[in-house]
Amino acid sequence: MGVVYLLMGLRYPVGTTANPGPGLYPLFVGGLLLVSSVAGGLEIFRAARADVGRQRECAPLWGKHAWRLVTIVLTMGVYIIILPYAGHMFGGIIVTFAALQAVGLIRWYTKLILTLFIPVGSFLLFDTILGVSLPKGILFG
């Protein structure tokens, strides 16, 4: 997903430091996705290798918590579909809440704070501070 996001982001001008373009946000998000995916994959691989010595066989990576990965991937797909209609803020709230729910964040107040902070914070950073317009959607824009 990170590579695809990066490649799609390269279709837009990145701009300069003084005047960032619309390609900056997709490159930023794609880079974060790619780095976090590689880091997560390396951690899973390291943990699986460490378990080999303690167990007779390595536990499969596709186990009882696979629904979490499926939920996050499906939610990202929903975000892509609803983005033109709902915009970044509303779509970001949905994606953030679903991802936090999938990873098992139990404290409701932490989930609520992060669900609101991440989309609002990214909107303020890119749209307001950096001047890179994010989709507001036909419902809100």
Foldseek 3Di string as FASTA:
>chain_A
DLVVLLVVLVVWAQDDQLAGEQSVVSNVVSVVVVVVVVVVVVVVVVVQVVCVVVDVHGDDPCDPLVVLVVQLVVLVVVLVVCCQAQNQQVSQLSNQLSNCVSVPVPDPVVSVCRSNCVSVVVCCVVCPVNVYDTRRHPVGD
